[in-house]
Amino acid sequence: MNYKHWNNQPNQQVAGAWDNQWNNGQGFPKHCAPQVSPTQQGPSQVSPTQQYVNTNVSNTEINHVHPSHTTNVNKHMTTHKHYFPHTESVVNDIQEQHIMCGKPHNPCPPPCGPKKPFGW
């Protein structure tokens, strides 16, 4: 009898050693039909719940109103120009002074000259 080893190669030495160890050296025992007991119910084993997601999309439009206003300002600028005209004049003030530093000489002795000398 050839038995196959775990690597599917015949192993005569192992097979021969087993042949004489079973059933008092008479080979493998003969098998009878199995007797089946009634099925027993063990405790239930519950796996973690599988989660599924159904997505329902509902679209809503919301109007956002952003009002604006432009004020146009028309400015009128009045420019006031102030002038300060100025004139200038020159006055030349001349003063004279006559100083008598002595008595004039009378070339003519009296009675030829005037009765009163000049400036007297």
PDB file of N, CA and C in Angstrom:
ATOM      1  N   MET A   1       0.846  -1.164   0.000  1.00  0.00           N
ATOM      2  CA  MET A   1       0.000   0.000   0.000  1.00  0.00           C
ATOM      3  C   MET A   1       0.898   1.235   0.000  1.00  0.00           C
ATOM      4  N   ASN A   2       0.699   2.123  -0.951  1.00  0.00           N
ATOM      5  CA  ASN A   2       1.468   3.365  -1.051  1.00  0.00           C
ATOM      6  C   ASN A   2       0.655   4.513  -0.479  1.00  0.00           C
ATOM      7  N   TYR A   3       1.251   5.241   0.425  1.00  0.00           N
ATOM      8  CA  TYR A   3       0.610   6.431   0.980  1.00  0.00           C
ATOM      9  C   TYR A   3       1.376   7.638   0.514  1.00  0.00           C
ATOM     10  N   LYS A   4       0.664   8.696   0.338  1.00  0.00           N
ATOM     11  CA  LYS A   4       1.327   9.912  -0.124  1.00  0.00           C
ATOM     12  C   LYS A   4       1.652  10.793   1.077  1.00  0.00           C
ATOM     13  N   HIS A   5       2.847  11.314   1.004  1.00  0.00           N
ATOM     14  CA  HIS A   5       3.317  12.226   2.043  1.00  0.00           C
ATOM     15  C   HIS A   5       2.660  13.592   1.817  1.00  0.00           C
ATOM     16  N   TRP A   6       2.883  14.522   2.682  1.00  0.00           N
ATOM     17  CA  TRP A   6       2.283  15.861   2.578  1.00  0.00           C
ATOM     18  C   TRP A   6       2.657  16.572   1.290  1.00  0.00           C
ATOM     19  N   ASN A   7       3.775  16.225   0.654  1.00  0.00           N
ATOM     20  CA  ASN A   7       4.158  16.876  -0.588  1.00  0.00           C
ATOM     21  C   ASN A   7       3.758  16.056  -1.813  1.00  0.00           C
ATOM     22  N   ASN A   8       2.818  15.132  -1.648  1.00  0.00           N
ATOM     23  CA  ASN A   8       2.275  14.282  -2.708  1.00  0.00           C
ATOM     24  C   ASN A   8       3.313  13.351  -3.336  1.00  0.00           C
ATOM     25  N   GLN A   9       4.368  13.029  -2.638  1.00  0.00           N
ATOM     26  CA  GLN A   9       5.379  12.081  -3.127  1.00  0.00           C
ATOM     27  C   GLN A   9       5.189  10.760  -2.369  1.00  0.00           C
ATOM     28  N   PRO A  10       5.287   9.649  -3.067  1.00  0.00           N
ATOM     29  CA  PRO A  10       5.130   8.361  -2.355  1.00  0.00           C
ATOM     30  C   PRO A  10       6.232   8.182  -1.326  1.00  0.00           C
ATOM     31  N   ASN A  11       5.885   7.678  -0.184  1.00  0.00           N
ATOM     32  CA  ASN A  11       6.847   7.451   0.885  1.00  0.00           C
ATOM     33  C   ASN A  11       6.651   6.015   1.370  1.00  0.00           C
ATOM     34  N   GLN A  12       7.383   5.103   0.830  1.00  0.00           N
ATOM     35  CA  GLN A  12       7.224   3.689   1.135  1.00  0.00           C
ATOM     36  C   GLN A  12       7.557   3.380   2.587  1.00  0.00           C
ATOM     37  N   GLN A  13       8.568   4.043   3.083  1.00  0.00           N
ATOM     38  CA  GLN A  13       9.003   3.741   4.437  1.00  0.00           C
ATOM     39  C   GLN A  13       7.924   4.135   5.430  1.00  0.00           C
ATOM     40  N   VAL A  14       7.342   5.340   5.266  1.00  0.00           N
ATOM     41  CA  VAL A  14       6.294   5.794   6.182  1.00  0.00           C
ATOM     42  C   VAL A  14       5.064   4.936   6.005  1.00  0.00           C
ATOM     43  N   ALA A  15       4.693   4.650   4.759  1.00  0.00           N
ATOM     44  CA  ALA A  15       3.489   3.858   4.527  1.00  0.00           C
ATOM     45  C   ALA A  15       3.627   2.459   5.138  1.00  0.00           C
ATOM     46  N   GLY A  16       4.778   1.834   5.001  1.00  0.00           N
ATOM     47  CA  GLY A  16       4.963   0.497   5.549  1.00  0.00           C
ATOM     48  C   GLY A  16       4.925   0.489   7.060  1.00  0.00           C
ATOM     49  N   ALA A  17       5.427   1.548   7.673  1.00  0.00           N
ATOM     50  CA  ALA A  17       5.429   1.614   9.124  1.00  0.00           C
ATOM     51  C   ALA A  17       4.022   1.727   9.659  1.00  0.00           C
ATOM     52  N   TRP A  18       3.172   2.408   8.934  1.00  0.00           N
ATOM     53  CA  TRP A  18       1.801   2.575   9.384  1.00  0.00           C
ATOM     54  C   TRP A  18       0.976   1.316   9.150  1.00  0.00           C
ATOM     55  N   ASP A  19       1.319   0.604   8.151  1.00  0.00           N
ATOM     56  CA  ASP A  19       0.512  -0.572   7.819  1.00  0.00           C
ATOM     57  C   ASP A  19       0.418  -1.555   8.995  1.00  0.00           C
ATOM     58  N   ASN A  20       1.463  -1.758   9.714  1.00  0.00           N
ATOM     59  CA  ASN A  20       1.478  -2.768  10.755  1.00  0.00           C
ATOM     60  C   ASN A  20       1.069  -2.223  12.115  1.00  0.00           C
ATOM     61  N   GLN A  21       0.840  -0.922  12.223  1.00  0.00           N
ATOM     62  CA  GLN A  21       0.483  -0.374  13.525  1.00  0.00           C
ATOM     63  C   GLN A  21      -1.017  -0.367  13.746  1.00  0.00           C
ATOM     64  N   TRP A  22      -1.821  -0.492  12.713  1.00  0.00           N
ATOM     65  CA  TRP A  22      -3.269  -0.431  12.870  1.00  0.00           C
ATOM     66  C   TRP A  22      -3.872  -1.833  12.967  1.00  0.00           C
ATOM     67  N   ASN A  23      -4.805  -1.898  13.849  1.00  0.00           N
ATOM     68  CA  ASN A  23      -5.607  -3.111  13.968  1.00  0.00           C
ATOM     69  C   ASN A  23      -4.733  -4.366  14.168  1.00  0.00           C
ATOM     70  N   ASN A  24      -3.829  -4.267  15.119  1.00  0.00           N
ATOM     71  CA  ASN A  24      -2.915  -5.369  15.462  1.00  0.00           C
ATOM     72  C   ASN A  24      -2.137  -5.868  14.254  1.00  0.00           C
ATOM     73  N   GLY A  25      -1.619  -4.966  13.495  1.00  0.00           N
ATOM     74  CA  GLY A  25      -0.802  -5.339  12.349  1.00  0.00           C
ATOM     75  C   GLY A  25      -1.577  -5.807  11.154  1.00  0.00           C
ATOM     76  N   GLN A  26      -2.882  -5.631  11.181  1.00  0.00           N
ATOM     77  CA  GLN A  26      -3.696  -6.107  10.058  1.00  0.00           C
ATOM     78  C   GLN A  26      -4.130  -4.959   9.141  1.00  0.00           C
ATOM     79  N   GLY A  27      -3.505  -3.812   9.217  1.00  0.00           N
ATOM     80  CA  GLY A  27      -3.846  -2.677   8.332  1.00  0.00           C
ATOM     81  C   GLY A  27      -4.899  -1.765   8.941  1.00  0.00           C
ATOM     82  N   PHE A  28      -5.428  -0.916   8.114  1.00  0.00           N
ATOM     83  CA  PHE A  28      -6.414   0.060   8.597  1.00  0.00           C
ATOM     84  C   PHE A  28      -7.709  -0.630   8.967  1.00  0.00           C
ATOM     85  N   PRO A  29      -8.402  -0.072   9.990  1.00  0.00           N
ATOM     86  CA  PRO A  29      -9.668  -0.702  10.366  1.00  0.00           C
ATOM     87  C   PRO A  29     -10.732  -0.490   9.301  1.00  0.00           C
ATOM     88  N   LYS A  30     -11.712  -1.316   9.302  1.00  0.00           N
ATOM     89  CA  LYS A  30     -12.837  -1.176   8.392  1.00  0.00           C
ATOM     90  C   LYS A  30     -13.819  -0.201   9.013  1.00  0.00           C
ATOM     91  N   HIS A  31     -14.426   0.613   8.180  1.00  0.00           N
ATOM     92  CA  HIS A  31     -15.365   1.625   8.694  1.00  0.00           C
ATOM     93  C   HIS A  31     -16.791   1.205   8.426  1.00  0.00           C
ATOM     94  N   CYS A  32     -17.624   1.448   9.438  1.00  0.00           N
ATOM     95  CA  CYS A  32     -19.059   1.209   9.288  1.00  0.00           C
ATOM     96  C   CYS A  32     -19.717   2.520   8.915  1.00  0.00           C
ATOM     97  N   ALA A  33     -20.945   2.490   8.497  1.00  0.00           N
ATOM     98  CA  ALA A  33     -21.688   3.706   8.162  1.00  0.00           C
ATOM     99  C   ALA A  33     -21.840   4.551   9.423  1.00  0.00           C
ATOM    100  N   PRO A  34     -21.657   5.870   9.302  1.00  0.00           N
ATOM    101  CA  PRO A  34     -21.753   6.707  10.505  1.00  0.00           C
ATOM    102  C   PRO A  34     -23.168   6.771  11.034  1.00  0.00           C
ATOM    103  N   GLN A  35     -23.275   6.916  12.331  1.00  0.00           N
ATOM    104  CA  GLN A  35     -24.570   7.115  12.961  1.00  0.00           C
ATOM    105  C   GLN A  35     -24.727   8.613  13.185  1.00  0.00           C
ATOM    106  N   VAL A  36     -25.771   9.200  12.681  1.00  0.00           N
ATOM    107  CA  VAL A  36     -25.978  10.654  12.702  1.00  0.00           C
ATOM    108  C   VAL A  36     -26.899  11.001  13.850  1.00  0.00           C
ATOM    109  N   SER A  37     -26.434  11.863  14.750  1.00  0.00           N
ATOM    110  CA  SER A  37     -27.259  12.347  15.860  1.00  0.00           C
ATOM    111  C   SER A  37     -28.129  13.489  15.351  1.00  0.00           C
ATOM    112  N   PRO A  38     -29.214  13.762  16.092  1.00  0.00           N
ATOM    113  CA  PRO A  38     -30.040  14.901  15.675  1.00  0.00           C
ATOM    114  C   PRO A  38     -29.253  16.209  15.788  1.00  0.00           C
ATOM    115  N   THR A  39     -29.523  17.108  14.896  1.00  0.00           N
ATOM    116  CA  THR A  39     -28.834  18.396  14.869  1.00  0.00           C
ATOM    117  C   THR A  39     -29.186  19.184  16.111  1.00  0.00           C
ATOM    118  N   GLN A  40     -28.152  19.700  16.750  1.00  0.00           N
ATOM    119  CA  GLN A  40     -28.367  20.534  17.931  1.00  0.00           C
ATOM    120  C   GLN A  40     -28.198  22.002  17.527  1.00  0.00           C
ATOM    121  N   GLN A  41     -28.908  22.836  18.206  1.00  0.00           N
ATOM    122  CA  GLN A  41     -28.853  24.275  17.910  1.00  0.00           C
ATOM    123  C   GLN A  41     -27.951  24.946  18.930  1.00  0.00           C
ATOM    124  N   GLY A  42     -26.849  25.524  18.464  1.00  0.00           N
ATOM    125  CA  GLY A  42     -25.961  26.286  19.337  1.00  0.00           C
ATOM    126  C   GLY A  42     -26.402  27.750  19.391  1.00  0.00           C
ATOM    127  N   PRO A  43     -25.721  28.527  20.228  1.00  0.00           N
ATOM    128  CA  PRO A  43     -26.107  29.942  20.310  1.00  0.00           C
ATOM    129  C   PRO A  43     -25.808  30.660  18.991  1.00  0.00           C
ATOM    130  N   SER A  44     -26.681  31.588  18.664  1.00  0.00           N
ATOM    131  CA  SER A  44     -26.512  32.352  17.423  1.00  0.00           C
ATOM    132  C   SER A  44     -25.306  33.260  17.524  1.00  0.00           C
ATOM    133  N   GLN A  45     -24.618  33.401  16.432  1.00  0.00           N
ATOM    134  CA  GLN A  45     -23.493  34.339  16.356  1.00  0.00           C
ATOM    135  C   GLN A  45     -23.900  35.451  15.399  1.00  0.00           C
ATOM    136  N   VAL A  46     -23.942  36.666  15.933  1.00  0.00           N
ATOM    137  CA  VAL A  46     -24.414  37.812  15.157  1.00  0.00           C
ATOM    138  C   VAL A  46     -23.216  38.631  14.704  1.00  0.00           C
ATOM    139  N   SER A  47     -23.107  38.789  13.423  1.00  0.00           N
ATOM    140  CA  SER A  47     -22.039  39.635  12.857  1.00  0.00           C
ATOM    141  C   SER A  47     -22.395  41.103  13.056  1.00  0.00           C
ATOM    142  N   PRO A  48     -21.399  41.966  13.015  1.00  0.00           N
ATOM    143  CA  PRO A  48     -21.715  43.402  13.106  1.00  0.00           C
ATOM    144  C   PRO A  48     -22.644  43.817  11.963  1.00  0.00           C
ATOM    145  N   THR A  49     -23.508  44.732  12.257  1.00  0.00           N
ATOM    146  CA  THR A  49     -24.499  45.176  11.274  1.00  0.00           C
ATOM    147  C   THR A  49     -23.816  45.860  10.101  1.00  0.00           C
ATOM    148  N   GLN A  50     -24.162  45.464   8.905  1.00  0.00           N
ATOM    149  CA  GLN A  50     -23.676  46.133   7.698  1.00  0.00           C
ATOM    150  C   GLN A  50     -24.455  47.436   7.553  1.00  0.00           C
ATOM    151  N   GLN A  51     -23.737  48.509   7.344  1.00  0.00           N
ATOM    152  CA  GLN A  51     -24.379  49.820   7.227  1.00  0.00           C
ATOM    153  C   GLN A  51     -24.506  50.187   5.749  1.00  0.00           C
ATOM    154  N   TYR A  52     -25.674  50.599   5.347  1.00  0.00           N
ATOM    155  CA  TYR A  52     -25.931  51.072   3.988  1.00  0.00           C
ATOM    156  C   TYR A  52     -26.506  52.472   4.100  1.00  0.00           C
ATOM    157  N   VAL A  53     -26.145  53.329   3.146  1.00  0.00           N
ATOM    158  CA  VAL A  53     -26.622  54.714   3.175  1.00  0.00           C
ATOM    159  C   VAL A  53     -27.354  54.996   1.875  1.00  0.00           C
ATOM    160  N   ASN A  54     -28.597  55.381   2.002  1.00  0.00           N
ATOM    161  CA  ASN A  54     -29.358  55.897   0.855  1.00  0.00           C
ATOM    162  C   ASN A  54     -29.363  57.412   0.976  1.00  0.00           C
ATOM    163  N   THR A  55     -28.908  58.094  -0.053  1.00  0.00           N
ATOM    164  CA  THR A  55     -28.863  59.552  -0.018  1.00  0.00           C
ATOM    165  C   THR A  55     -29.981  60.108  -0.879  1.00  0.00           C
ATOM    166  N   ASN A  56     -30.822  60.916  -0.266  1.00  0.00           N
ATOM    167  CA  ASN A  56     -31.899  61.594  -0.979  1.00  0.00           C
ATOM    168  C   ASN A  56     -31.538  63.075  -1.037  1.00  0.00           C
ATOM    169  N   VAL A  57     -31.490  63.621  -2.232  1.00  0.00           N
ATOM    170  CA  VAL A  57     -31.092  65.015  -2.409  1.00  0.00           C
ATOM    171  C   VAL A  57     -32.322  65.838  -2.727  1.00  0.00           C
ATOM    172  N   SER A  58     -32.505  66.895  -1.969  1.00  0.00           N
ATOM    173  CA  SER A  58     -33.589  67.836  -2.201  1.00  0.00           C
ATOM    174  C   SER A  58     -32.960  69.193  -2.465  1.00  0.00           C
ATOM    175  N   ASN A  59     -33.217  69.786  -3.614  1.00  0.00           N
ATOM    176  CA  ASN A  59     -32.604  71.065  -3.980  1.00  0.00           C
ATOM    177  C   ASN A  59     -33.518  72.218  -3.604  1.00  0.00           C
ATOM    178  N   THR A  60     -32.937  73.226  -2.995  1.00  0.00           N
ATOM    179  CA  THR A  60     -33.664  74.436  -2.627  1.00  0.00           C
ATOM    180  C   THR A  60     -32.880  75.634  -3.125  1.00  0.00           C
ATOM    181  N   GLU A  61     -33.539  76.548  -3.796  1.00  0.00           N
ATOM    182  CA  GLU A  61     -32.879  77.773  -4.244  1.00  0.00           C
ATOM    183  C   GLU A  61     -33.261  78.906  -3.311  1.00  0.00           C
ATOM    184  N   ILE A  62     -32.253  79.648  -2.861  1.00  0.00           N
ATOM    185  CA  ILE A  62     -32.476  80.813  -2.000  1.00  0.00           C
ATOM    186  C   ILE A  62     -31.876  82.006  -2.710  1.00  0.00           C
ATOM    187  N   ASN A  63     -32.707  82.989  -2.984  1.00  0.00           N
ATOM    188  CA  ASN A  63     -32.234  84.203  -3.645  1.00  0.00           C
ATOM    189  C   ASN A  63     -31.606  85.136  -2.628  1.00  0.00           C
ATOM    190  N   HIS A  64     -30.415  85.581  -2.922  1.00  0.00           N
ATOM    191  CA  HIS A  64     -29.726  86.552  -2.090  1.00  0.00           C
ATOM    192  C   HIS A  64     -29.695  87.857  -2.867  1.00  0.00           C
ATOM    193  N   VAL A  65     -30.383  88.859  -2.377  1.00  0.00           N
ATOM    194  CA  VAL A  65     -30.477  90.146  -3.070  1.00  0.00           C
ATOM    195  C   VAL A  65     -29.476  91.093  -2.427  1.00  0.00           C
ATOM    196  N   HIS A  66     -28.599  91.647  -3.241  1.00  0.00           N
ATOM    197  CA  HIS A  66     -27.595  92.588  -2.771  1.00  0.00           C
ATOM    198  C   HIS A  66     -27.818  93.920  -3.482  1.00  0.00           C
ATOM    199  N   PRO A  67     -28.716  94.769  -2.966  1.00  0.00           N
ATOM    200  CA  PRO A  67     -29.000  96.037  -3.663  1.00  0.00           C
ATOM    201  C   PRO A  67     -27.821  97.004  -3.543  1.00  0.00           C
ATOM    202  N   SER A  68     -27.746  97.886  -4.517  1.00  0.00           N
ATOM    203  CA  SER A  68     -26.723  98.926  -4.477  1.00  0.00           C
ATOM    204  C   SER A  68     -27.323 100.212  -5.013  1.00  0.00           C
ATOM    205  N   HIS A  69     -26.699 101.318  -4.697  1.00  0.00           N
ATOM    206  CA  HIS A  69     -27.178 102.633  -5.128  1.00  0.00           C
ATOM    207  C   HIS A  69     -25.969 103.499  -5.429  1.00  0.00           C
ATOM    208  N   THR A  70     -26.056 104.279  -6.490  1.00  0.00           N
ATOM    209  CA  THR A  70     -25.000 105.215  -6.838  1.00  0.00           C
ATOM    210  C   THR A  70     -25.573 106.617  -6.775  1.00  0.00           C
ATOM    211  N   THR A  71     -24.927 107.473  -6.016  1.00  0.00           N
ATOM    212  CA  THR A  71     -25.305 108.881  -5.961  1.00  0.00           C
ATOM    213  C   THR A  71     -24.279 109.658  -6.757  1.00  0.00           C
ATOM    214  N   ASN A  72     -24.747 110.376  -7.780  1.00  0.00           N
ATOM    215  CA  ASN A  72     -23.867 111.213  -8.586  1.00  0.00           C
ATOM    216  C   ASN A  72     -23.912 112.624  -8.022  1.00  0.00           C
ATOM    217  N   VAL A  73     -22.800 113.116  -7.568  1.00  0.00           N
ATOM    218  CA  VAL A  73     -22.710 114.443  -6.960  1.00  0.00           C
ATOM    219  C   VAL A  73     -22.064 115.375  -7.978  1.00  0.00           C
ATOM    220  N   ASN A  74     -22.786 116.443  -8.327  1.00  0.00           N
ATOM    221  CA  ASN A  74     -22.247 117.468  -9.219  1.00  0.00           C
ATOM    222  C   ASN A  74     -21.815 118.654  -8.361  1.00  0.00           C
ATOM    223  N   LYS A  75     -20.540 118.890  -8.314  1.00  0.00           N
ATOM    224  CA  LYS A  75     -20.020 119.977  -7.487  1.00  0.00           C
ATOM    225  C   LYS A  75     -19.693 121.159  -8.374  1.00  0.00           C
ATOM    226  N   HIS A  76     -20.089 122.337  -7.933  1.00  0.00           N
ATOM    227  CA  HIS A  76     -19.728 123.565  -8.620  1.00  0.00           C
ATOM    228  C   HIS A  76     -18.780 124.321  -7.695  1.00  0.00           C
ATOM    229  N   MET A  77     -17.591 124.564  -8.164  1.00  0.00           N
ATOM    230  CA  MET A  77     -16.581 125.225  -7.355  1.00  0.00           C
ATOM    231  C   MET A  77     -16.480 126.677  -7.801  1.00  0.00           C
ATOM    232  N   THR A  78     -16.671 127.574  -6.859  1.00  0.00           N
ATOM    233  CA  THR A  78     -16.487 128.997  -7.116  1.00  0.00           C
ATOM    234  C   THR A  78     -15.164 129.400  -6.491  1.00  0.00           C
ATOM    235  N   THR A  79     -14.314 129.972  -7.305  1.00  0.00           N
ATOM    236  CA  THR A  79     -13.006 130.403  -6.813  1.00  0.00           C
ATOM    237  C   THR A  79     -13.031 131.911  -6.648  1.00  0.00           C
ATOM    238  N   HIS A  80     -12.770 132.339  -5.457  1.00  0.00           N
ATOM    239  CA  HIS A  80     -12.709 133.773  -5.160  1.00  0.00           C
ATOM    240  C   HIS A  80     -11.245 134.171  -5.143  1.00  0.00           C
ATOM    241  N   LYS A  81     -10.893 135.043  -6.067  1.00  0.00           N
ATOM    242  CA  LYS A  81      -9.511 135.517  -6.139  1.00  0.00           C
ATOM    243  C   LYS A  81      -9.471 136.930  -5.561  1.00  0.00           C
ATOM    244  N   HIS A  82      -8.662 137.124  -4.579  1.00  0.00           N
ATOM    245  CA  HIS A  82      -8.548 138.422  -3.912  1.00  0.00           C
ATOM    246  C   HIS A  82      -7.238 139.073  -4.336  1.00  0.00           C
ATOM    247  N   TYR A  83      -7.366 140.300  -4.841  1.00  0.00           N
ATOM    248  CA  TYR A  83      -6.190 141.051  -5.259  1.00  0.00           C
ATOM    249  C   TYR A  83      -6.043 142.257  -4.337  1.00  0.00           C
ATOM    250  N   PHE A  84      -4.838 142.619  -4.071  1.00  0.00           N
ATOM    251  CA  PHE A  84      -4.564 143.771  -3.218  1.00  0.00           C
ATOM    252  C   PHE A  84      -3.605 144.700  -3.961  1.00  0.00           C
ATOM    253  N   PRO A  85      -4.171 145.470  -4.897  1.00  0.00           N
ATOM    254  CA  PRO A  85      -3.273 146.384  -5.615  1.00  0.00           C
ATOM    255  C   PRO A  85      -2.776 147.471  -4.659  1.00  0.00           C
ATOM    256  N   HIS A  86      -1.542 147.849  -4.857  1.00  0.00           N
ATOM    257  CA  HIS A  86      -0.924 148.824  -3.963  1.00  0.00           C
ATOM    258  C   HIS A  86      -0.069 149.765  -4.818  1.00  0.00           C
ATOM    259  N   THR A  87      -0.211 150.981  -4.502  1.00  0.00           N
ATOM    260  CA  THR A  87       0.615 151.959  -5.213  1.00  0.00           C
ATOM    261  C   THR A  87       1.630 152.530  -4.243  1.00  0.00           C
ATOM    262  N   GLU A  88       2.629 153.151  -4.814  1.00  0.00           N
ATOM    263  CA  GLU A  88       3.693 153.714  -4.002  1.00  0.00           C
ATOM    264  C   GLU A  88       4.097 155.047  -4.615  1.00  0.00           C
ATOM    265  N   SER A  89       4.352 155.968  -3.778  1.00  0.00           N
ATOM    266  CA  SER A  89       4.809 157.270  -4.283  1.00  0.00           C
ATOM    267  C   SER A  89       6.026 157.707  -3.479  1.00  0.00           C
ATOM    268  N   VAL A  90       6.731 158.658  -4.052  1.00  0.00           N
ATOM    269  CA  VAL A  90       7.946 159.179  -3.410  1.00  0.00           C
ATOM    270  C   VAL A  90       7.775 160.693  -3.252  1.00  0.00           C
ATOM    271  N   VAL A  91       8.049 161.116  -2.096  1.00  0.00           N
ATOM    272  CA  VAL A  91       8.039 162.561  -1.830  1.00  0.00           C
ATOM    273  C   VAL A  91       9.456 162.947  -1.461  1.00  0.00           C
ATOM    274  N   ASN A  92      10.010 163.851  -2.210  1.00  0.00           N
ATOM    275  CA  ASN A  92      11.341 164.357  -1.889  1.00  0.00           C
ATOM    276  C   ASN A  92      11.162 165.660  -1.095  1.00  0.00           C
ATOM    277  N   ASP A  93      11.402 165.573   0.147  1.00  0.00           N
ATOM    278  CA  ASP A  93      11.244 166.728   1.049  1.00  0.00           C
ATOM    279  C   ASP A  93      12.604 167.426   1.155  1.00  0.00           C
ATOM    280  N   ILE A  94      12.616 168.594   0.678  1.00  0.00           N
ATOM    281  CA  ILE A  94      13.870 169.371   0.721  1.00  0.00           C
ATOM    282  C   ILE A  94      13.672 170.530   1.686  1.00  0.00           C
ATOM    283  N   GLN A  95      14.544 170.592   2.592  1.00  0.00           N
ATOM    284  CA  GLN A  95      14.512 171.708   3.548  1.00  0.00           C
ATOM    285  C   GLN A  95      15.797 172.524   3.364  1.00  0.00           C
ATOM    286  N   GLU A  96      15.625 173.789   3.555  1.00  0.00           N
ATOM    287  CA  GLU A  96      16.787 174.707   3.421  1.00  0.00           C
ATOM    288  C   GLU A  96      16.958 175.480   4.703  1.00  0.00           C
ATOM    289  N   GLN A  97      18.155 175.827   4.905  1.00  0.00           N
ATOM    290  CA  GLN A  97      18.474 176.567   6.118  1.00  0.00           C
ATOM    291  C   GLN A  97      19.540 177.614   5.762  1.00  0.00           C
ATOM    292  N   HIS A  98      19.340 178.781   6.173  1.00  0.00           N
ATOM    293  CA  HIS A  98      20.311 179.871   5.953  1.00  0.00           C
ATOM    294  C   HIS A  98      20.882 180.285   7.300  1.00  0.00           C
ATOM    295  N   ILE A  99      22.137 180.135   7.406  1.00  0.00           N
ATOM    296  CA  ILE A  99      22.797 180.488   8.652  1.00  0.00           C
ATOM    297  C   ILE A  99      23.728 181.676   8.384  1.00  0.00           C
ATOM    298  N   MET A 100      23.640 182.676   9.185  1.00  0.00           N
ATOM    299  CA  MET A 100      24.510 183.866   9.077  1.00  0.00           C
ATOM    300  C   MET A 100      25.695 183.653  10.006  1.00  0.00           C
ATOM    301  N   CYS A 101      26.789 183.461   9.435  1.00  0.00           N
ATOM    302  CA  CYS A 101      27.981 183.178  10.221  1.00  0.00           C
ATOM    303  C   CYS A 101      28.828 184.472  10.425  1.00  0.00           C
ATOM    304  N   GLY A 102      28.290 185.483  10.458  1.00  0.00           N
ATOM    305  CA  GLY A 102      29.015 186.746  10.655  1.00  0.00           C
ATOM    306  C   GLY A 102      28.231 187.866   9.994  1.00  0.00           C
ATOM    307  N   LYS A 103      28.854 189.040  10.014  1.00  0.00           N
ATOM    308  CA  LYS A 103      28.239 190.243   9.470  1.00  0.00           C
ATOM    309  C   LYS A 103      28.823 190.464   8.086  1.00  0.00           C
ATOM    310  N   PRO A 104      28.006 190.772   7.125  1.00  0.00           N
ATOM    311  CA  PRO A 104      28.578 190.990   5.812  1.00  0.00           C
ATOM    312  C   PRO A 104      29.476 192.281   5.798  1.00  0.00           C
ATOM    313  N   HIS A 105      30.367 192.207   4.955  1.00  0.00           N
ATOM    314  CA  HIS A 105      31.277 193.359   4.841  1.00  0.00           C
ATOM    315  C   HIS A 105      30.618 194.416   3.942  1.00  0.00           C
ATOM    316  N   ASN A 106      30.649 195.609   4.401  1.00  0.00           N
ATOM    317  CA  ASN A 106      30.092 196.706   3.637  1.00  0.00           C
ATOM    318  C   ASN A 106      31.235 197.439   2.942  1.00  0.00           C
ATOM    319  N   PRO A 107      31.326 197.292   1.693  1.00  0.00           N
ATOM    320  CA  PRO A 107      32.445 197.946   1.016  1.00  0.00           C
ATOM    321  C   PRO A 107      32.313 199.483   0.981  1.00  0.00           C
ATOM    322  N   CYS A 108      31.157 199.891   1.113  1.00  0.00           N
ATOM    323  CA  CYS A 108      30.975 201.342   1.111  1.00  0.00           C
ATOM    324  C   CYS A 108      30.734 201.818   2.533  1.00  0.00           C
ATOM    325  N   PRO A 109      31.603 202.700   2.997  1.00  0.00           N
ATOM    326  CA  PRO A 109      31.332 203.215   4.351  1.00  0.00           C
ATOM    327  C   PRO A 109      30.141 204.181   4.305  1.00  0.00           C
ATOM    328  N   PRO A 110      29.557 204.400   5.363  1.00  0.00           N
ATOM    329  CA  PRO A 110      28.415 205.322   5.363  1.00  0.00           C
ATOM    330  C   PRO A 110      28.876 206.739   5.020  1.00  0.00           C
ATOM    331  N   PRO A 111      28.200 207.332   4.532  1.00  0.00           N
ATOM    332  CA  PRO A 111      26.897 207.494   3.973  1.00  0.00           C
ATOM    333  C   PRO A 111      26.742 206.963   2.569  1.00  0.00           C
ATOM    334  N   CYS A 112      27.682 206.248   1.978  1.00  0.00           N
ATOM    335  CA  CYS A 112      27.470 205.784   0.613  1.00  0.00           C
ATOM    336  C   CYS A 112      26.637 204.533   0.566  1.00  0.00           C
ATOM    337  N   GLY A 113      26.729 203.801   1.525  1.00  0.00           N
ATOM    338  CA  GLY A 113      26.005 202.562   1.499  1.00  0.00           C
ATOM    339  C   GLY A 113      24.588 202.719   1.974  1.00  0.00           C
ATOM    340  N   PRO A 114      23.926 201.749   1.963  1.00  0.00           N
ATOM    341  CA  PRO A 114      22.551 201.829   2.458  1.00  0.00           C
ATOM    342  C   PRO A 114      22.514 202.223   3.899  1.00  0.00           C
ATOM    343  N   LYS A 115      21.380 202.705   4.231  1.00  0.00           N
ATOM    344  CA  LYS A 115      21.226 203.196   5.571  1.00  0.00           C
ATOM    345  C   LYS A 115      21.286 202.025   6.552  1.00  0.00           C
ATOM    346  N   LYS A 116      20.699 200.922   6.154  1.00  0.00           N
ATOM    347  CA  LYS A 116      20.723 199.762   7.035  1.00  0.00           C
ATOM    348  C   LYS A 116      21.468 198.649   6.325  1.00  0.00           C
ATOM    349  N   PRO A 117      22.370 197.977   6.977  1.00  0.00           N
ATOM    350  CA  PRO A 117      23.048 196.893   6.299  1.00  0.00           C
ATOM    351  C   PRO A 117      22.110 195.689   6.070  1.00  0.00           C
ATOM    352  N   PHE A 118      22.483 194.813   5.145  1.00  0.00           N
ATOM    353  CA  PHE A 118      21.666 193.668   4.767  1.00  0.00           C
ATOM    354  C   PHE A 118      21.493 192.758   5.963  1.00  0.00           C
ATOM    355  N   GLY A 119      20.272 192.273   6.179  1.00  0.00           N
ATOM    356  CA  GLY A 119      19.997 191.349   7.257  1.00  0.00           C
ATOM    357  C   GLY A 119      19.877 192.005   8.590  1.00  0.00           C
ATOM    358  N   TRP A 120      19.923 193.384   8.705  1.00  0.00           N
ATOM    359  CA  TRP A 120      19.812 194.067   9.997  1.00  0.00           C
ATOM    360  C   TRP A 120      18.512 194.684  10.166  1.00  0.00           C
TER     361      TRP A 120
END
